[in-house]
Amino acid sequence: MAVRLGEEIEVNILIGDEEVRAIFPGYTDEGMAEAIKKLSSGRSVVVRGQAKDRTHEARVKFFNATCLRVENVEATDGTPLTPDIQGWRSQIPPNWKASFAIYFEERATLSEDEVGN
């Protein structure tokens, strides 16, 4: 299936037996394009002459900067987690955020058939 530019991007990950979906802006969104570039370039930094792996932090930052909403996730009080809830992104575990970001990293380097495998 081809990627249609301009449409929102849905990314699904499996958490236990449940599928969680995150919605991101389409690839034609300038902010999204810049965020993908930052994700790739922010994976390592040089500190006092030594390269430091910042992959996890870059992935979390990418999610926080670009995710529009999540679906099939409940807040701690049992209500659906929506963008209307203040600080909703902070309730998403960092490892979930990283898993969503991996989709975009794979998409940039793998063939369409290999993404998610």
PDB file of N, CA and C in Angstrom:
ATOM      1  N   MET A   1       0.837  -1.169   0.000  1.00  0.00           N
ATOM      2  CA  MET A   1       0.000   0.000   0.000  1.00  0.00           C
ATOM      3  C   MET A   1       0.887   1.238   0.000  1.00  0.00           C
ATOM      4  N   ALA A   2       0.559   2.198  -0.802  1.00  0.00           N
ATOM      5  CA  ALA A   2       1.321   3.441  -0.911  1.00  0.00           C
ATOM      6  C   ALA A   2       0.975   4.383   0.226  1.00  0.00           C
ATOM      7  N   VAL A   3       1.925   5.225   0.577  1.00  0.00           N
ATOM      8  CA  VAL A   3       1.708   6.267   1.567  1.00  0.00           C
ATOM      9  C   VAL A   3       1.094   7.453   0.848  1.00  0.00           C
ATOM     10  N   ARG A   4      -0.010   7.930   1.343  1.00  0.00           N
ATOM     11  CA  ARG A   4      -0.657   9.091   0.734  1.00  0.00           C
ATOM     12  C   ARG A   4      -0.221  10.338   1.488  1.00  0.00           C
ATOM     13  N   LEU A   5       0.444  11.233   0.778  1.00  0.00           N
ATOM     14  CA  LEU A   5       0.937  12.456   1.392  1.00  0.00           C
ATOM     15  C   LEU A   5      -0.213  13.325   1.860  1.00  0.00           C
ATOM     16  N   GLY A   6      -0.006  13.998   2.965  1.00  0.00           N
ATOM     17  CA  GLY A   6      -1.005  14.919   3.472  1.00  0.00           C
ATOM     18  C   GLY A   6      -1.970  14.301   4.463  1.00  0.00           C
ATOM     19  N   GLU A   7      -2.083  12.990   4.460  1.00  0.00           N
ATOM     20  CA  GLU A   7      -2.979  12.338   5.411  1.00  0.00           C
ATOM     21  C   GLU A   7      -2.252  12.082   6.724  1.00  0.00           C
ATOM     22  N   GLU A   8      -3.008  12.003   7.800  1.00  0.00           N
ATOM     23  CA  GLU A   8      -2.411  11.663   9.080  1.00  0.00           C
ATOM     24  C   GLU A   8      -1.845  10.245   9.009  1.00  0.00           C
ATOM     25  N   ILE A   9      -0.816   9.998   9.804  1.00  0.00           N
ATOM     26  CA  ILE A   9      -0.155   8.696   9.817  1.00  0.00           C
ATOM     27  C   ILE A   9      -0.559   7.963  11.086  1.00  0.00           C
ATOM     28  N   GLU A  10      -1.083   6.754  10.939  1.00  0.00           N
ATOM     29  CA  GLU A  10      -1.459   5.922  12.070  1.00  0.00           C
ATOM     30  C   GLU A  10      -0.381   4.867  12.277  1.00  0.00           C
ATOM     31  N   VAL A  11       0.122   4.778  13.507  1.00  0.00           N
ATOM     32  CA  VAL A  11       1.138   3.792  13.844  1.00  0.00           C
ATOM     33  C   VAL A  11       0.594   2.951  14.989  1.00  0.00           C
ATOM     34  N   ASN A  12       0.634   1.635  14.815  1.00  0.00           N
ATOM     35  CA  ASN A  12       0.129   0.719  15.830  1.00  0.00           C
ATOM     36  C   ASN A  12       1.266  -0.067  16.464  1.00  0.00           C
ATOM     37  N   ILE A  13       1.186  -0.263  17.785  1.00  0.00           N
ATOM     38  CA  ILE A  13       2.105  -1.149  18.484  1.00  0.00           C
ATOM     39  C   ILE A  13       1.275  -2.085  19.350  1.00  0.00           C
ATOM     40  N   LEU A  14       1.801  -3.253  19.618  1.00  0.00           N
ATOM     41  CA  LEU A  14       1.118  -4.240  20.444  1.00  0.00           C
ATOM     42  C   LEU A  14       1.648  -4.136  21.866  1.00  0.00           C
ATOM     43  N   ILE A  15       0.748  -3.904  22.814  1.00  0.00           N
ATOM     44  CA  ILE A  15       1.078  -3.844  24.236  1.00  0.00           C
ATOM     45  C   ILE A  15       0.299  -4.979  24.895  1.00  0.00           C
ATOM     46  N   GLY A  16       1.001  -6.048  25.245  1.00  0.00           N
ATOM     47  CA  GLY A  16       0.312  -7.230  25.756  1.00  0.00           C
ATOM     48  C   GLY A  16      -0.569  -7.774  24.649  1.00  0.00           C
ATOM     49  N   ASP A  17      -1.852  -7.901  24.939  1.00  0.00           N
ATOM     50  CA  ASP A  17      -2.809  -8.385  23.943  1.00  0.00           C
ATOM     51  C   ASP A  17      -3.563  -7.253  23.260  1.00  0.00           C
ATOM     52  N   GLU A  18      -3.243  -6.030  23.608  1.00  0.00           N
ATOM     53  CA  GLU A  18      -3.964  -4.864  23.073  1.00  0.00           C
ATOM     54  C   GLU A  18      -3.123  -4.098  22.062  1.00  0.00           C
ATOM     55  N   GLU A  19      -3.779  -3.566  21.058  1.00  0.00           N
ATOM     56  CA  GLU A  19      -3.111  -2.719  20.075  1.00  0.00           C
ATOM     57  C   GLU A  19      -3.367  -1.261  20.432  1.00  0.00           C
ATOM     58  N   VAL A  20      -2.282  -0.499  20.515  1.00  0.00           N
ATOM     59  CA  VAL A  20      -2.363   0.926  20.810  1.00  0.00           C
ATOM     60  C   VAL A  20      -1.988   1.674  19.542  1.00  0.00           C
ATOM     61  N   ARG A  21      -2.742   2.692  19.220  1.00  0.00           N
ATOM     62  CA  ARG A  21      -2.521   3.465  17.994  1.00  0.00           C
ATOM     63  C   ARG A  21      -2.149   4.898  18.363  1.00  0.00           C
ATOM     64  N   ALA A  22      -1.153   5.413  17.660  1.00  0.00           N
ATOM     65  CA  ALA A  22      -0.788   6.827  17.790  1.00  0.00           C
ATOM     66  C   ALA A  22      -0.968   7.479  16.425  1.00  0.00           C
ATOM     67  N   ILE A  23      -1.459   8.686  16.427  1.00  0.00           N
ATOM     68  CA  ILE A  23      -1.725   9.432  15.204  1.00  0.00           C
ATOM     69  C   ILE A  23      -0.727  10.589  15.117  1.00  0.00           C
ATOM     70  N   PHE A  24      -0.077  10.691  13.946  1.00  0.00           N
ATOM     71  CA  PHE A  24       0.929  11.714  13.691  1.00  0.00           C
ATOM     72  C   PHE A  24       0.509  12.528  12.469  1.00  0.00           C
ATOM     73  N   PRO A  25       1.072  13.738  12.310  1.00  0.00           N
ATOM     74  CA  PRO A  25       0.784  14.529  11.111  1.00  0.00           C
ATOM     75  C   PRO A  25       1.289  13.813   9.863  1.00  0.00           C
ATOM     76  N   GLY A  26       0.768  14.182   8.716  1.00  0.00           N
ATOM     77  CA  GLY A  26       1.226  13.612   7.454  1.00  0.00           C
ATOM     78  C   GLY A  26       2.628  14.068   7.117  1.00  0.00           C
ATOM     79  N   TYR A  27       3.237  13.366   6.175  1.00  0.00           N
ATOM     80  CA  TYR A  27       4.606  13.672   5.786  1.00  0.00           C
ATOM     81  C   TYR A  27       4.755  15.048   5.147  1.00  0.00           C
ATOM     82  N   THR A  28       3.687  15.627   4.639  1.00  0.00           N
ATOM     83  CA  THR A  28       3.801  16.937   4.007  1.00  0.00           C
ATOM     84  C   THR A  28       3.830  18.066   5.034  1.00  0.00           C
ATOM     85  N   ASP A  29       3.545  17.780   6.287  1.00  0.00           N
ATOM     86  CA  ASP A  29       3.599  18.783   7.347  1.00  0.00           C
ATOM     87  C   ASP A  29       5.062  19.167   7.580  1.00  0.00           C
ATOM     88  N   GLU A  30       5.385  20.464   7.475  1.00  0.00           N
ATOM     89  CA  GLU A  30       6.778  20.909   7.611  1.00  0.00           C
ATOM     90  C   GLU A  30       7.365  20.556   8.972  1.00  0.00           C
ATOM     91  N   GLY A  31       6.564  20.681  10.015  1.00  0.00           N
ATOM     92  CA  GLY A  31       7.040  20.346  11.355  1.00  0.00           C
ATOM     93  C   GLY A  31       7.365  18.872  11.483  1.00  0.00           C
ATOM     94  N   MET A  32       6.572  18.034  10.828  1.00  0.00           N
ATOM     95  CA  MET A  32       6.819  16.595  10.877  1.00  0.00           C
ATOM     96  C   MET A  32       8.111  16.258  10.146  1.00  0.00           C
ATOM     97  N   ALA A  33       8.311  16.855   8.995  1.00  0.00           N
ATOM     98  CA  ALA A  33       9.532  16.599   8.232  1.00  0.00           C
ATOM     99  C   ALA A  33      10.765  16.999   9.040  1.00  0.00           C
ATOM    100  N   GLU A  34      10.695  18.121   9.697  1.00  0.00           N
ATOM    101  CA  GLU A  34      11.813  18.584  10.522  1.00  0.00           C
ATOM    102  C   GLU A  34      12.026  17.655  11.724  1.00  0.00           C
ATOM    103  N   ALA A  35      10.945  17.187  12.326  1.00  0.00           N
ATOM    104  CA  ALA A  35      11.048  16.290  13.480  1.00  0.00           C
ATOM    105  C   ALA A  35      11.695  14.959  13.096  1.00  0.00           C
ATOM    106  N   ILE A  36      11.370  14.448  11.915  1.00  0.00           N
ATOM    107  CA  ILE A  36      11.988  13.200  11.457  1.00  0.00           C
ATOM    108  C   ILE A  36      13.480  13.406  11.246  1.00  0.00           C
ATOM    109  N   LYS A  37      13.850  14.550  10.701  1.00  0.00           N
ATOM    110  CA  LYS A  37      15.265  14.861  10.501  1.00  0.00           C
ATOM    111  C   LYS A  37      15.982  14.949  11.856  1.00  0.00           C
ATOM    112  N   LYS A  38      15.359  15.597  12.835  1.00  0.00           N
ATOM    113  CA  LYS A  38      15.944  15.720  14.169  1.00  0.00           C
ATOM    114  C   LYS A  38      16.058  14.356  14.847  1.00  0.00           C
ATOM    115  N   LEU A  39      15.066  13.491  14.628  1.00  0.00           N
ATOM    116  CA  LEU A  39      15.103  12.145  15.207  1.00  0.00           C
ATOM    117  C   LEU A  39      16.350  11.419  14.743  1.00  0.00           C
ATOM    118  N   SER A  40      16.628  11.493  13.471  1.00  0.00           N
ATOM    119  CA  SER A  40      17.802  10.812  12.921  1.00  0.00           C
ATOM    120  C   SER A  40      19.105  11.437  13.414  1.00  0.00           C
ATOM    121  N   SER A  41      19.154  12.752  13.466  1.00  0.00           N
ATOM    122  CA  SER A  41      20.408  13.419  13.840  1.00  0.00           C
ATOM    123  C   SER A  41      20.611  13.487  15.350  1.00  0.00           C
ATOM    124  N   GLY A  42      19.564  13.318  16.137  1.00  0.00           N
ATOM    125  CA  GLY A  42      19.676  13.446  17.591  1.00  0.00           C
ATOM    126  C   GLY A  42      19.975  12.156  18.318  1.00  0.00           C
ATOM    127  N   ARG A  43      20.299  11.117  17.572  1.00  0.00           N
ATOM    128  CA  ARG A  43      20.508   9.815  18.206  1.00  0.00           C
ATOM    129  C   ARG A  43      21.834   9.681  18.926  1.00  0.00           C
ATOM    130  N   SER A  44      22.771  10.559  18.637  1.00  0.00           N
ATOM    131  CA  SER A  44      24.031  10.537  19.380  1.00  0.00           C
ATOM    132  C   SER A  44      24.573  11.952  19.474  1.00  0.00           C
ATOM    133  N   VAL A  45      25.321  12.197  20.536  1.00  0.00           N
ATOM    134  CA  VAL A  45      25.961  13.486  20.740  1.00  0.00           C
ATOM    135  C   VAL A  45      27.389  13.230  21.212  1.00  0.00           C
ATOM    136  N   VAL A  46      28.237  14.193  20.996  1.00  0.00           N
ATOM    137  CA  VAL A  46      29.618  14.085  21.464  1.00  0.00           C
ATOM    138  C   VAL A  46      29.751  14.927  22.726  1.00  0.00           C
ATOM    139  N   VAL A  47      30.146  14.281  23.811  1.00  0.00           N
ATOM    140  CA  VAL A  47      30.343  14.947  25.088  1.00  0.00           C
ATOM    141  C   VAL A  47      31.784  14.713  25.511  1.00  0.00           C
ATOM    142  N   ARG A  48      32.528  15.795  25.655  1.00  0.00           N
ATOM    143  CA  ARG A  48      33.947  15.724  26.024  1.00  0.00           C
ATOM    144  C   ARG A  48      34.717  14.728  25.162  1.00  0.00           C
ATOM    145  N   GLY A  49      34.473  14.793  23.866  1.00  0.00           N
ATOM    146  CA  GLY A  49      35.207  13.958  22.917  1.00  0.00           C
ATOM    147  C   GLY A  49      34.717  12.529  22.794  1.00  0.00           C
ATOM    148  N   GLN A  50      33.650  12.158  23.523  1.00  0.00           N
ATOM    149  CA  GLN A  50      33.120  10.796  23.437  1.00  0.00           C
ATOM    150  C   GLN A  50      31.684  10.823  22.927  1.00  0.00           C
ATOM    151  N   ALA A  51      31.408   9.892  22.018  1.00  0.00           N
ATOM    152  CA  ALA A  51      30.039   9.780  21.485  1.00  0.00           C
ATOM    153  C   ALA A  51      29.148   9.134  22.539  1.00  0.00           C
ATOM    154  N   LYS A  52      28.006   9.739  22.778  1.00  0.00           N
ATOM    155  CA  LYS A  52      27.019   9.214  23.729  1.00  0.00           C
ATOM    156  C   LYS A  52      25.757   8.840  22.964  1.00  0.00           C
ATOM    157  N   ASP A  53      25.229   7.657  23.254  1.00  0.00           N
ATOM    158  CA  ASP A  53      24.008   7.184  22.607  1.00  0.00           C
ATOM    159  C   ASP A  53      22.805   7.879  23.243  1.00  0.00           C
ATOM    160  N   ARG A  54      22.067   8.609  22.448  1.00  0.00           N
ATOM    161  CA  ARG A  54      20.868   9.315  22.902  1.00  0.00           C
ATOM    162  C   ARG A  54      19.640   8.861  22.112  1.00  0.00           C
ATOM    163  N   THR A  55      19.712   7.641  21.600  1.00  0.00           N
ATOM    164  CA  THR A  55      18.634   7.133  20.756  1.00  0.00           C
ATOM    165  C   THR A  55      17.292   7.140  21.481  1.00  0.00           C
ATOM    166  N   HIS A  56      17.254   6.594  22.688  1.00  0.00           N
ATOM    167  CA  HIS A  56      15.985   6.519  23.423  1.00  0.00           C
ATOM    168  C   HIS A  56      15.418   7.914  23.675  1.00  0.00           C
ATOM    169  N   GLU A  57      16.281   8.828  24.109  1.00  0.00           N
ATOM    170  CA  GLU A  57      15.827  10.191  24.377  1.00  0.00           C
ATOM    171  C   GLU A  57      15.323  10.870  23.105  1.00  0.00           C
ATOM    172  N   ALA A  58      16.017  10.643  21.977  1.00  0.00           N
ATOM    173  CA  ALA A  58      15.591  11.232  20.701  1.00  0.00           C
ATOM    174  C   ALA A  58      14.222  10.703  20.292  1.00  0.00           C
ATOM    175  N   ARG A  59      13.992   9.412  20.524  1.00  0.00           N
ATOM    176  CA  ARG A  59      12.698   8.814  20.168  1.00  0.00           C
ATOM    177  C   ARG A  59      11.575   9.379  21.025  1.00  0.00           C
ATOM    178  N   VAL A  60      11.809   9.521  22.325  1.00  0.00           N
ATOM    179  CA  VAL A  60      10.793  10.079  23.223  1.00  0.00           C
ATOM    180  C   VAL A  60      10.504  11.527  22.842  1.00  0.00           C
ATOM    181  N   LYS A  61      11.543  12.279  22.569  1.00  0.00           N
ATOM    182  CA  LYS A  61      11.386  13.684  22.177  1.00  0.00           C
ATOM    183  C   LYS A  61      10.576  13.789  20.873  1.00  0.00           C
ATOM    184  N   PHE A  62      10.864  12.903  19.923  1.00  0.00           N
ATOM    185  CA  PHE A  62      10.127  12.886  18.668  1.00  0.00           C
ATOM    186  C   PHE A  62       8.632  12.666  18.927  1.00  0.00           C
ATOM    187  N   PHE A  63       8.310  11.669  19.720  1.00  0.00           N
ATOM    188  CA  PHE A  63       6.907  11.386  20.037  1.00  0.00           C
ATOM    189  C   PHE A  63       6.245  12.606  20.667  1.00  0.00           C
ATOM    190  N   ASN A  64       6.903  13.182  21.683  1.00  0.00           N
ATOM    191  CA  ASN A  64       6.324  14.327  22.387  1.00  0.00           C
ATOM    192  C   ASN A  64       6.112  15.525  21.472  1.00  0.00           C
ATOM    193  N   ALA A  65       6.973  15.677  20.465  1.00  0.00           N
ATOM    194  CA  ALA A  65       6.876  16.820  19.563  1.00  0.00           C
ATOM    195  C   ALA A  65       5.856  16.624  18.446  1.00  0.00           C
ATOM    196  N   THR A  66       5.541  15.372  18.098  1.00  0.00           N
ATOM    197  CA  THR A  66       4.738  15.153  16.897  1.00  0.00           C
ATOM    198  C   THR A  66       3.408  14.440  17.100  1.00  0.00           C
ATOM    199  N   CYS A  67       3.276  13.626  18.110  1.00  0.00           N
ATOM    200  CA  CYS A  67       2.049  12.828  18.248  1.00  0.00           C
ATOM    201  C   CYS A  67       0.838  13.729  18.474  1.00  0.00           C
ATOM    202  N   LEU A  68      -0.192  13.506  17.673  1.00  0.00           N
ATOM    203  CA  LEU A  68      -1.416  14.299  17.779  1.00  0.00           C
ATOM    204  C   LEU A  68      -2.376  13.721  18.817  1.00  0.00           C
ATOM    205  N   ARG A  69      -2.431  12.394  18.878  1.00  0.00           N
ATOM    206  CA  ARG A  69      -3.332  11.731  19.830  1.00  0.00           C
ATOM    207  C   ARG A  69      -3.030  10.234  19.841  1.00  0.00           C
ATOM    208  N   VAL A  70      -3.536   9.559  20.860  1.00  0.00           N
ATOM    209  CA  VAL A  70      -3.438   8.104  20.943  1.00  0.00           C
ATOM    210  C   VAL A  70      -4.843   7.540  21.048  1.00  0.00           C
ATOM    211  N   GLU A  71      -4.977   6.295  20.641  1.00  0.00           N
ATOM    212  CA  GLU A  71      -6.269   5.616  20.715  1.00  0.00           C
ATOM    213  C   GLU A  71      -6.089   4.277  21.405  1.00  0.00           C
ATOM    214  N   ASN A  72      -7.123   3.838  22.096  1.00  0.00           N
ATOM    215  CA  ASN A  72      -7.144   2.585  22.841  1.00  0.00           C
ATOM    216  C   ASN A  72      -6.231   2.637  24.062  1.00  0.00           C
ATOM    217  N   VAL A  73      -6.157   3.819  24.689  1.00  0.00           N
ATOM    218  CA  VAL A  73      -5.394   4.013  25.920  1.00  0.00           C
ATOM    219  C   VAL A  73      -6.301   4.737  26.906  1.00  0.00           C
ATOM    220  N   GLU A  74      -6.292   4.260  28.153  1.00  0.00           N
ATOM    221  CA  GLU A  74      -7.093   4.899  29.188  1.00  0.00           C
ATOM    222  C   GLU A  74      -6.199   5.643  30.158  1.00  0.00           C
ATOM    223  N   ALA A  75      -6.693   6.776  30.652  1.00  0.00           N
ATOM    224  CA  ALA A  75      -5.994   7.533  31.692  1.00  0.00           C
ATOM    225  C   ALA A  75      -6.050   6.733  32.988  1.00  0.00           C
ATOM    226  N   THR A  76      -5.341   7.179  33.989  1.00  0.00           N
ATOM    227  CA  THR A  76      -5.293   6.451  35.254  1.00  0.00           C
ATOM    228  C   THR A  76      -6.663   6.314  35.913  1.00  0.00           C
ATOM    229  N   ASP A  77      -7.580   7.214  35.593  1.00  0.00           N
ATOM    230  CA  ASP A  77      -8.926   7.125  36.179  1.00  0.00           C
ATOM    231  C   ASP A  77      -9.863   6.251  35.347  1.00  0.00           C
ATOM    232  N   GLY A  78      -9.356   5.637  34.270  1.00  0.00           N
ATOM    233  CA  GLY A  78     -10.164   4.734  33.451  1.00  0.00           C
ATOM    234  C   GLY A  78     -10.871   5.389  32.280  1.00  0.00           C
ATOM    235  N   THR A  79     -10.750   6.707  32.126  1.00  0.00           N
ATOM    236  CA  THR A  79     -11.361   7.383  30.987  1.00  0.00           C
ATOM    237  C   THR A  79     -10.394   7.346  29.805  1.00  0.00           C
ATOM    238  N   PRO A  80     -10.903   7.419  28.577  1.00  0.00           N
ATOM    239  CA  PRO A  80     -10.001   7.428  27.409  1.00  0.00           C
ATOM    240  C   PRO A  80      -9.006   8.579  27.493  1.00  0.00           C
ATOM    241  N   LEU A  81      -7.764   8.296  27.166  1.00  0.00           N
ATOM    242  CA  LEU A  81      -6.715   9.312  27.171  1.00  0.00           C
ATOM    243  C   LEU A  81      -6.818  10.106  25.876  1.00  0.00           C
ATOM    244  N   THR A  82      -7.197  11.353  25.993  1.00  0.00           N
ATOM    245  CA  THR A  82      -7.389  12.211  24.824  1.00  0.00           C
ATOM    246  C   THR A  82      -6.526  13.459  24.955  1.00  0.00           C
ATOM    247  N   PRO A  83      -6.318  14.169  23.851  1.00  0.00           N
ATOM    248  CA  PRO A  83      -5.545  15.415  23.906  1.00  0.00           C
ATOM    249  C   PRO A  83      -6.198  16.491  24.780  1.00  0.00           C
ATOM    250  N   ASP A  84      -7.478  16.313  25.131  1.00  0.00           N
ATOM    251  CA  ASP A  84      -8.161  17.268  26.002  1.00  0.00           C
ATOM    252  C   ASP A  84      -7.662  17.187  27.442  1.00  0.00           C
ATOM    253  N   ILE A  85      -7.023  16.080  27.791  1.00  0.00           N
ATOM    254  CA  ILE A  85      -6.503  15.891  29.143  1.00  0.00           C
ATOM    255  C   ILE A  85      -5.131  16.554  29.228  1.00  0.00           C
ATOM    256  N   GLN A  86      -5.002  17.493  30.137  1.00  0.00           N
ATOM    257  CA  GLN A  86      -3.739  18.212  30.269  1.00  0.00           C
ATOM    258  C   GLN A  86      -2.622  17.232  30.610  1.00  0.00           C
ATOM    259  N   GLY A  87      -1.509  17.353  29.887  1.00  0.00           N
ATOM    260  CA  GLY A  87      -0.357  16.492  30.128  1.00  0.00           C
ATOM    261  C   GLY A  87      -0.548  15.053  29.679  1.00  0.00           C
ATOM    262  N   TRP A  88      -1.423  14.827  28.698  1.00  0.00           N
ATOM    263  CA  TRP A  88      -1.726  13.461  28.278  1.00  0.00           C
ATOM    264  C   TRP A  88      -0.488  12.715  27.797  1.00  0.00           C
ATOM    265  N   ARG A  89       0.436  13.412  27.141  1.00  0.00           N
ATOM    266  CA  ARG A  89       1.649  12.745  26.644  1.00  0.00           C
ATOM    267  C   ARG A  89       2.498  12.192  27.789  1.00  0.00           C
ATOM    268  N   SER A  90       2.493  12.871  28.924  1.00  0.00           N
ATOM    269  CA  SER A  90       3.306  12.429  30.059  1.00  0.00           C
ATOM    270  C   SER A  90       2.784  11.118  30.652  1.00  0.00           C
ATOM    271  N   GLN A  91       1.551  10.751  30.340  1.00  0.00           N
ATOM    272  CA  GLN A  91       0.993   9.498  30.841  1.00  0.00           C
ATOM    273  C   GLN A  91       1.365   8.294  29.975  1.00  0.00           C
ATOM    274  N   ILE A  92       1.926   8.551  28.789  1.00  0.00           N
ATOM    275  CA  ILE A  92       2.359   7.474  27.905  1.00  0.00           C
ATOM    276  C   ILE A  92       3.753   7.033  28.345  1.00  0.00           C
ATOM    277  N   PRO A  93       3.958   5.736  28.611  1.00  0.00           N
ATOM    278  CA  PRO A  93       5.283   5.266  29.038  1.00  0.00           C
ATOM    279  C   PRO A  93       6.347   5.547  27.972  1.00  0.00           C
ATOM    280  N   PRO A  94       7.546   5.935  28.394  1.00  0.00           N
ATOM    281  CA  PRO A  94       8.619   6.251  27.451  1.00  0.00           C
ATOM    282  C   PRO A  94       8.936   5.109  26.478  1.00  0.00           C
ATOM    283  N   ASN A  95       8.866   3.866  26.923  1.00  0.00           N
ATOM    284  CA  ASN A  95       9.167   2.758  26.007  1.00  0.00           C
ATOM    285  C   ASN A  95       8.105   2.647  24.908  1.00  0.00           C
ATOM    286  N   TRP A  96       6.868   3.023  25.171  1.00  0.00           N
ATOM    287  CA  TRP A  96       5.840   3.054  24.122  1.00  0.00           C
ATOM    288  C   TRP A  96       6.190   4.152  23.116  1.00  0.00           C
ATOM    289  N   LYS A  97       6.569   5.314  23.642  1.00  0.00           N
ATOM    290  CA  LYS A  97       6.920   6.433  22.769  1.00  0.00           C
ATOM    291  C   LYS A  97       8.056   6.036  21.833  1.00  0.00           C
ATOM    292  N   ALA A  98       9.060   5.370  22.383  1.00  0.00           N
ATOM    293  CA  ALA A  98      10.199   4.930  21.571  1.00  0.00           C
ATOM    294  C   ALA A  98       9.743   3.937  20.513  1.00  0.00           C
ATOM    295  N   SER A  99       8.837   3.046  20.868  1.00  0.00           N
ATOM    296  CA  SER A  99       8.339   2.057  19.900  1.00  0.00           C
ATOM    297  C   SER A  99       7.622   2.725  18.736  1.00  0.00           C
ATOM    298  N   PHE A 100       6.854   3.763  19.020  1.00  0.00           N
ATOM    299  CA  PHE A 100       6.188   4.488  17.936  1.00  0.00           C
ATOM    300  C   PHE A 100       7.219   5.165  17.033  1.00  0.00           C
ATOM    301  N   ALA A 101       8.239   5.771  17.621  1.00  0.00           N
ATOM    302  CA  ALA A 101       9.256   6.480  16.841  1.00  0.00           C
ATOM    303  C   ALA A 101      10.059   5.536  15.954  1.00  0.00           C
ATOM    304  N   ILE A 102      10.247   4.310  16.402  1.00  0.00           N
ATOM    305  CA  ILE A 102      11.007   3.331  15.612  1.00  0.00           C
ATOM    306  C   ILE A 102      10.373   3.142  14.239  1.00  0.00           C
ATOM    307  N   TYR A 103       9.054   3.229  14.173  1.00  0.00           N
ATOM    308  CA  TYR A 103       8.362   3.103  12.884  1.00  0.00           C
ATOM    309  C   TYR A 103       8.938   4.093  11.870  1.00  0.00           C
ATOM    310  N   PHE A 104       9.139   5.342  12.289  1.00  0.00           N
ATOM    311  CA  PHE A 104       9.628   6.371  11.371  1.00  0.00           C
ATOM    312  C   PHE A 104      11.098   6.151  11.022  1.00  0.00           C
ATOM    313  N   GLU A 105      11.874   5.657  11.971  1.00  0.00           N
ATOM    314  CA  GLU A 105      13.266   5.330  11.677  1.00  0.00           C
ATOM    315  C   GLU A 105      13.349   4.199  10.653  1.00  0.00           C
ATOM    316  N   GLU A 106      12.537   3.160  10.863  1.00  0.00           N
ATOM    317  CA  GLU A 106      12.529   2.039   9.923  1.00  0.00           C
ATOM    318  C   GLU A 106      12.053   2.473   8.544  1.00  0.00           C
ATOM    319  N   ARG A 107      11.056   3.305   8.521  1.00  0.00           N
ATOM    320  CA  ARG A 107      10.488   3.767   7.255  1.00  0.00           C
ATOM    321  C   ARG A 107      11.538   4.515   6.427  1.00  0.00           C
ATOM    322  N   ALA A 108      12.452   5.194   7.124  1.00  0.00           N
ATOM    323  CA  ALA A 108      13.484   5.958   6.438  1.00  0.00           C
ATOM    324  C   ALA A 108      14.597   5.062   5.899  1.00  0.00           C
ATOM    325  N   THR A 109      14.729   3.831   6.441  1.00  0.00           N
ATOM    326  CA  THR A 109      15.869   2.996   6.054  1.00  0.00           C
ATOM    327  C   THR A 109      15.503   1.655   5.441  1.00  0.00           C
ATOM    328  N   LEU A 110      14.289   1.161   5.663  1.00  0.00           N
ATOM    329  CA  LEU A 110      13.903  -0.164   5.179  1.00  0.00           C
ATOM    330  C   LEU A 110      12.905  -0.075   4.033  1.00  0.00           C
ATOM    331  N   SER A 111      12.737  -1.189   3.338  1.00  0.00           N
ATOM    332  CA  SER A 111      11.692  -1.240   2.316  1.00  0.00           C
ATOM    333  C   SER A 111      10.337  -1.310   3.005  1.00  0.00           C
ATOM    334  N   GLU A 112       9.283  -1.015   2.274  1.00  0.00           N
ATOM    335  CA  GLU A 112       7.928  -0.994   2.853  1.00  0.00           C
ATOM    336  C   GLU A 112       7.552  -2.346   3.441  1.00  0.00           C
ATOM    337  N   ASP A 113       7.978  -3.455   2.828  1.00  0.00           N
ATOM    338  CA  ASP A 113       7.661  -4.794   3.314  1.00  0.00           C
ATOM    339  C   ASP A 113       8.381  -5.115   4.626  1.00  0.00           C
ATOM    340  N   GLU A 114       9.508  -4.484   4.884  1.00  0.00           N
ATOM    341  CA  GLU A 114      10.305  -4.783   6.073  1.00  0.00           C
ATOM    342  C   GLU A 114       9.890  -3.972   7.296  1.00  0.00           C
ATOM    343  N   VAL A 115       9.181  -2.856   7.124  1.00  0.00           N
ATOM    344  CA  VAL A 115       8.808  -2.014   8.238  1.00  0.00           C
ATOM    345  C   VAL A 115       7.900  -2.787   9.182  1.00  0.00           C
ATOM    346  N   GLY A 116       8.276  -2.780  10.488  1.00  0.00           N
ATOM    347  CA  GLY A 116       7.485  -3.454  11.505  1.00  0.00           C
ATOM    348  C   GLY A 116       7.808  -4.925  11.674  1.00  0.00           C
ATOM    349  N   ASN A 117       8.727  -5.463  10.919  1.00  0.00           N
ATOM    350  CA  ASN A 117       9.075  -6.875  11.047  1.00  0.00           C
ATOM    351  C   ASN A 117      10.388  -7.058  11.763  1.00  0.00           C
TER     352      ASN A 117
END
